[in-house]
Protein backbone atom coordinates (compact mmCIF):
# COMPACT_ATOMS: atom_id res chain seq x y z
CA MET A 1 -7.25 -23.75 9.57
CA MET A 2 -7.98 -20.04 10.01
CA THR A 3 -8.76 -17.97 6.96
CA GLY A 4 -9.64 -14.66 8.62
CA PRO A 5 -7.83 -11.36 8.01
CA PHE A 6 -4.18 -11.24 9.02
CA VAL A 7 -3.41 -8.77 11.83
CA LEU A 8 0.09 -7.79 12.90
CA VAL A 9 0.28 -6.80 16.59
CA VAL A 10 3.19 -4.50 17.49
CA GLU A 11 3.48 -4.16 21.28
CA ASP A 12 6.50 -4.37 23.57
CA ALA A 13 4.58 -5.15 26.78
CA SER A 14 4.24 -8.93 26.86
CA ASP A 15 1.01 -9.02 28.90
CA ILE A 16 -0.81 -6.62 26.54
CA ARG A 17 0.64 -8.36 23.49
CA GLU A 18 -0.61 -11.74 24.69
CA LEU A 19 -4.05 -10.35 25.62
CA VAL A 20 -4.50 -8.71 22.21
CA SER A 21 -3.23 -11.71 20.27
CA TYR A 22 -5.38 -14.16 22.22
CA ASN A 23 -8.59 -12.20 21.73
CA LEU A 24 -7.98 -11.51 18.04
CA THR A 25 -7.23 -15.20 17.46
CA LYS A 26 -10.37 -16.13 19.38
CA ALA A 27 -12.35 -13.77 17.11
CA GLY A 28 -11.12 -15.63 14.02
CA TYR A 29 -8.16 -13.52 12.92
CA GLN A 30 -4.75 -14.76 11.88
CA VAL A 31 -2.29 -13.04 14.21
CA MET A 32 1.43 -12.39 14.33
CA ASP A 33 2.98 -10.36 17.15
CA VAL A 34 6.31 -8.57 17.42
CA GLU A 35 7.94 -6.43 20.10
CA THR A 36 9.95 -3.78 18.26
CA GLY A 37 9.49 -1.29 15.45
CA GLU A 38 12.30 -2.83 13.46
CA ASP A 39 10.69 -6.28 13.65
CA ALA A 40 7.37 -4.70 12.69
CA LEU A 41 8.75 -3.21 9.47
CA ALA A 42 10.37 -6.53 8.56
CA ALA A 43 7.10 -8.41 9.15
CA ILE A 44 5.07 -5.85 7.19
CA ASP A 45 7.46 -6.13 4.26
CA ALA A 46 7.48 -9.94 4.36
CA TYR A 47 3.81 -10.69 5.04
CA ALA A 48 1.73 -7.63 4.00
CA PRO A 49 -0.83 -7.86 6.85
CA ASP A 50 -4.45 -6.77 6.40
CA LEU A 51 -4.16 -4.49 9.43
CA VAL A 52 -1.49 -3.35 11.88
CA LEU A 53 -2.35 -2.86 15.56
CA LEU A 54 0.46 -0.51 16.56
CA ASP A 55 1.64 0.63 19.98
CA LEU A 56 2.98 4.18 19.83
CA MET A 57 5.50 3.79 22.67
CA LEU A 58 8.06 1.25 21.49
CA PRO A 59 11.77 0.77 22.21
CA GLY A 60 13.97 1.96 19.36
CA MET A 61 11.80 3.00 16.44
CA ASP A 62 8.51 4.30 17.84
CA GLY A 63 5.00 3.79 16.49
CA LEU A 64 4.76 7.21 14.81
CA SER A 65 7.95 6.52 12.86
CA ILE A 66 6.52 3.19 11.70
CA CYS A 67 3.27 4.86 10.68
CA ARG A 68 5.17 7.51 8.73
CA ARG A 69 7.30 4.90 6.94
CA MET A 70 4.24 2.83 6.00
CA LYS A 71 2.28 5.78 4.60
CA GLN A 72 5.26 7.01 2.57
CA ASP A 73 5.75 3.63 0.89
CA ALA A 74 3.44 2.82 -2.04
CA LYS A 75 3.56 -0.89 -1.11
CA THR A 76 2.25 -0.35 2.42
CA GLU A 77 0.35 2.96 2.39
CA SER A 78 -3.04 1.24 2.00
CA ILE A 79 -2.57 -1.06 5.02
CA PRO A 80 -4.87 0.23 7.80
CA ILE A 81 -3.33 1.14 11.15
CA VAL A 82 -5.02 1.12 14.56
CA MET A 83 -2.88 2.82 17.19
CA LEU A 84 -2.58 1.64 20.79
CA THR A 85 -2.06 4.69 23.01
CA ALA A 86 -1.78 5.56 26.68
CA LYS A 87 -3.91 8.19 28.37
CA GLY A 88 -2.46 11.67 28.00
CA GLU A 89 -1.01 11.05 24.52
CA GLU A 90 -3.55 13.23 22.69
CA SER A 91 -0.87 15.08 20.74
CA ASP A 92 0.59 11.78 19.52
CA ILE A 93 -2.89 10.55 18.59
CA VAL A 94 -3.47 13.64 16.46
CA ARG A 95 -0.02 13.26 14.85
CA GLY A 96 -0.77 9.61 14.07
CA LEU A 97 -4.12 10.46 12.49
CA ASN A 98 -2.41 13.18 10.46
CA LEU A 99 0.09 10.61 9.21
CA GLY A 100 -2.77 8.42 7.97
CA ALA A 101 -3.63 6.08 10.86
CA ASP A 102 -7.24 4.87 10.75
CA ASP A 103 -8.21 4.68 14.42
CA TYR A 104 -6.84 4.46 17.94
CA ILE A 105 -7.54 2.59 21.17
CA THR A 106 -6.62 4.10 24.53
CA LYS A 107 -5.14 1.88 27.24
CA PRO A 108 -6.53 0.36 29.35
CA PHE A 109 -9.14 -1.07 26.99
CA SER A 110 -11.55 -3.97 27.02
CA PRO A 111 -10.78 -6.87 24.68
CA ARG A 112 -14.30 -6.58 23.21
CA GLU A 113 -13.75 -2.92 22.36
CA MET A 114 -10.40 -3.72 20.77
CA VAL A 115 -11.85 -6.48 18.57
CA ALA A 116 -14.81 -4.25 17.63
CA ARG A 117 -12.48 -1.42 16.56
CA VAL A 118 -10.43 -3.78 14.40
CA GLN A 119 -13.59 -5.19 12.83
CA ALA A 120 -14.95 -1.69 12.14
CA VAL A 121 -11.77 -0.52 10.40
CA LEU A 122 -11.57 -3.66 8.25
CA ARG A 123 -15.26 -3.27 7.31
CA ARG A 124 -14.69 0.32 6.21
CA ILE A 125 -11.66 -0.64 4.13
CA SER A 126 -13.52 -3.58 2.58
CA ALA A 127 -16.58 -1.45 1.76
CA ARG A 128 -14.42 1.26 0.20
CA ALA A 129 -12.60 -1.31 -1.95
CA ALA A 130 -15.90 -2.87 -3.05
CA ASP A 131 -17.30 0.52 -4.02
CA THR A 132 -14.21 1.24 -6.11
CA ALA A 133 -14.15 -2.19 -7.75
CA GLY A 134 -17.88 -2.14 -8.50
CA SER A 135 -17.91 1.27 -10.10
CA GLU A 136 -18.09 1.29 -13.88
CA GLN A 137 -16.91 4.90 -13.94
CA PRO A 138 -13.35 5.89 -13.00
CA GLY A 139 -14.74 8.45 -10.55
CA LYS A 140 -15.70 12.01 -11.32
CA THR A 141 -13.05 14.68 -11.28
CA ILE A 142 -13.74 17.56 -8.91
CA ALA A 143 -12.63 20.88 -10.37
CA VAL A 144 -13.04 24.11 -8.43
CA GLY A 145 -11.15 27.10 -9.82
CA ASN A 146 -7.49 26.14 -10.17
CA LEU A 147 -7.94 23.10 -7.90
CA VAL A 148 -8.41 19.66 -9.46
CA ILE A 149 -9.14 16.53 -7.42
CA ARG A 150 -9.16 13.04 -8.98
CA PRO A 151 -10.52 10.73 -6.28
CA HIS A 152 -9.71 7.35 -7.85
CA ARG A 153 -6.14 8.44 -8.51
CA HIS A 154 -5.78 9.99 -5.06
CA GLU A 155 -4.45 13.02 -6.91
CA VAL A 156 -4.69 16.74 -6.17
CA LEU A 157 -3.45 19.41 -8.56
CA VAL A 158 -3.12 23.13 -7.79
CA ASP A 159 -2.31 25.24 -10.86
CA GLY A 160 -1.42 21.95 -12.56
CA ARG A 161 1.11 20.96 -9.89
CA PRO A 162 0.59 17.86 -7.71
CA VAL A 163 0.18 18.29 -3.94
CA ASP A 164 0.66 15.36 -1.56
CA PHE A 165 -1.90 14.58 1.14
CA THR A 166 -2.37 11.81 3.66
CA ALA A 167 -5.35 9.52 3.04
CA THR A 168 -7.44 11.30 5.69
CA GLU A 169 -6.52 14.79 4.49
CA PHE A 170 -7.43 13.80 0.95
CA ARG A 171 -10.86 12.54 2.00
CA VAL A 172 -11.55 15.71 4.00
CA LEU A 173 -10.63 17.94 1.05
CA ALA A 174 -12.62 15.88 -1.46
CA LEU A 175 -15.68 15.91 0.82
CA LEU A 176 -15.67 19.70 1.14
CA ALA A 177 -14.72 20.51 -2.45
CA ASP A 178 -17.35 18.18 -3.89
CA ARG A 179 -20.07 20.48 -2.48
CA PRO A 180 -18.86 24.10 -2.68
CA GLY A 181 -20.87 26.35 -0.38
CA TRP A 182 -22.20 23.44 1.68
CA VAL A 183 -21.51 23.88 5.41
CA PHE A 184 -20.30 20.69 7.12
CA THR A 185 -20.20 20.31 10.89
CA ARG A 186 -17.13 18.67 12.35
CA GLN A 187 -19.18 15.57 13.14
CA GLN A 188 -20.45 15.41 9.55
CA ILE A 189 -16.86 15.58 8.33
CA LEU A 190 -15.88 12.75 10.69
CA ASP A 191 -18.85 10.66 9.55
CA GLY A 192 -18.19 11.38 5.87
CA VAL A 193 -14.50 10.56 6.08
CA HIS A 194 -14.41 7.66 8.55
CA GLY A 195 -18.01 6.47 8.90
CA GLU A 196 -20.53 6.96 11.68
CA HIS A 197 -19.60 6.40 15.33
CA TYR A 198 -15.89 6.90 14.63
CA ALA A 199 -14.47 7.52 18.06
CA ILE A 200 -12.05 10.43 17.73
CA THR A 201 -12.41 13.95 19.01
CA GLU A 202 -13.77 16.71 16.81
CA ARG A 203 -10.53 18.57 17.48
CA ALA A 204 -8.82 16.17 15.07
CA VAL A 205 -10.94 17.70 12.26
CA ASP A 206 -9.46 21.12 13.03
CA VAL A 207 -5.96 19.64 12.82
CA HIS A 208 -6.69 18.04 9.45
CA ILE A 209 -8.20 21.27 8.10
CA LEU A 210 -5.16 23.27 9.24
CA SER A 211 -2.83 20.86 7.47
CA VAL A 212 -4.91 20.84 4.26
CA ARG A 213 -4.99 24.65 4.15
CA LYS A 214 -1.25 24.84 4.62
CA LYS A 215 -0.54 22.36 1.81
CA LEU A 216 -2.94 24.12 -0.58
CA GLY A 217 -1.23 27.48 -0.09
CA GLU A 218 -3.34 30.38 -1.39
CA VAL A 219 -6.10 27.96 -2.46
CA GLY A 220 -6.42 26.95 1.18
CA ARG A 221 -8.32 30.19 1.78
CA CYS A 222 -11.25 28.56 -0.02
CA ILE A 223 -11.82 26.43 3.07
CA GLU A 224 -13.75 28.76 5.33
CA THR A 225 -14.45 28.39 9.03
CA VAL A 226 -18.12 28.90 9.81
CA HIS A 227 -17.90 29.86 13.46
CA GLY A 228 -20.05 27.79 15.76
CA VAL A 229 -20.90 25.36 12.94
CA GLY A 230 -17.98 23.88 10.99
CA TYR A 231 -16.37 24.35 7.58
CA ARG A 232 -17.28 24.96 3.95
CA PHE A 233 -15.45 25.18 0.65
CA LYS A 234 -16.03 28.51 -1.09
CA GLU A 235 -15.33 28.70 -4.82
């Protein structure tokens, strides 16, 4: 009987769905597959998978809508999402990452790459949970001017008012604000937020920064662009 992590595969193309399910099962995962967004939400609610492998182009409710619903629900926001995308969907990839997806795989892909990506995301989530559980301290509060960040509460306050961020946006902001004046390259931000060898374009960092600045309002000016290098948080 299998005891590996439980992966929900959401893919309407039967050949891809079977290929993904077969290779994940072969790698030791428990797998359930569904064809539609509506069935995906029902399965997520009923079974709380450890990871969702999500096709963006689905009949009816599309993958981005599912991602948005999951990240807006406290019961499902922590479930990692790996998007399955077609070539030429860069704008959708960026939107998905902004919504809180953890990684993406571009079709066509090799089964080995797909399994490796799933394993990498689950390792990162497991390591993050272990770090949190093993810490005797609740996590230091980062306070810069009228900005307060409480990492273990996933909470950001500006002038005492809470501001909502996706998981990725929160990690980007906390990384920069924790070291005011420190210049981070885009690659360093990717490595610090997602781990080394995370395969997304550096352009995604610019998108996250733009969104964080917008949500912070006037405080967003503290995030400076260092041309030709990256970004820094200026107190």
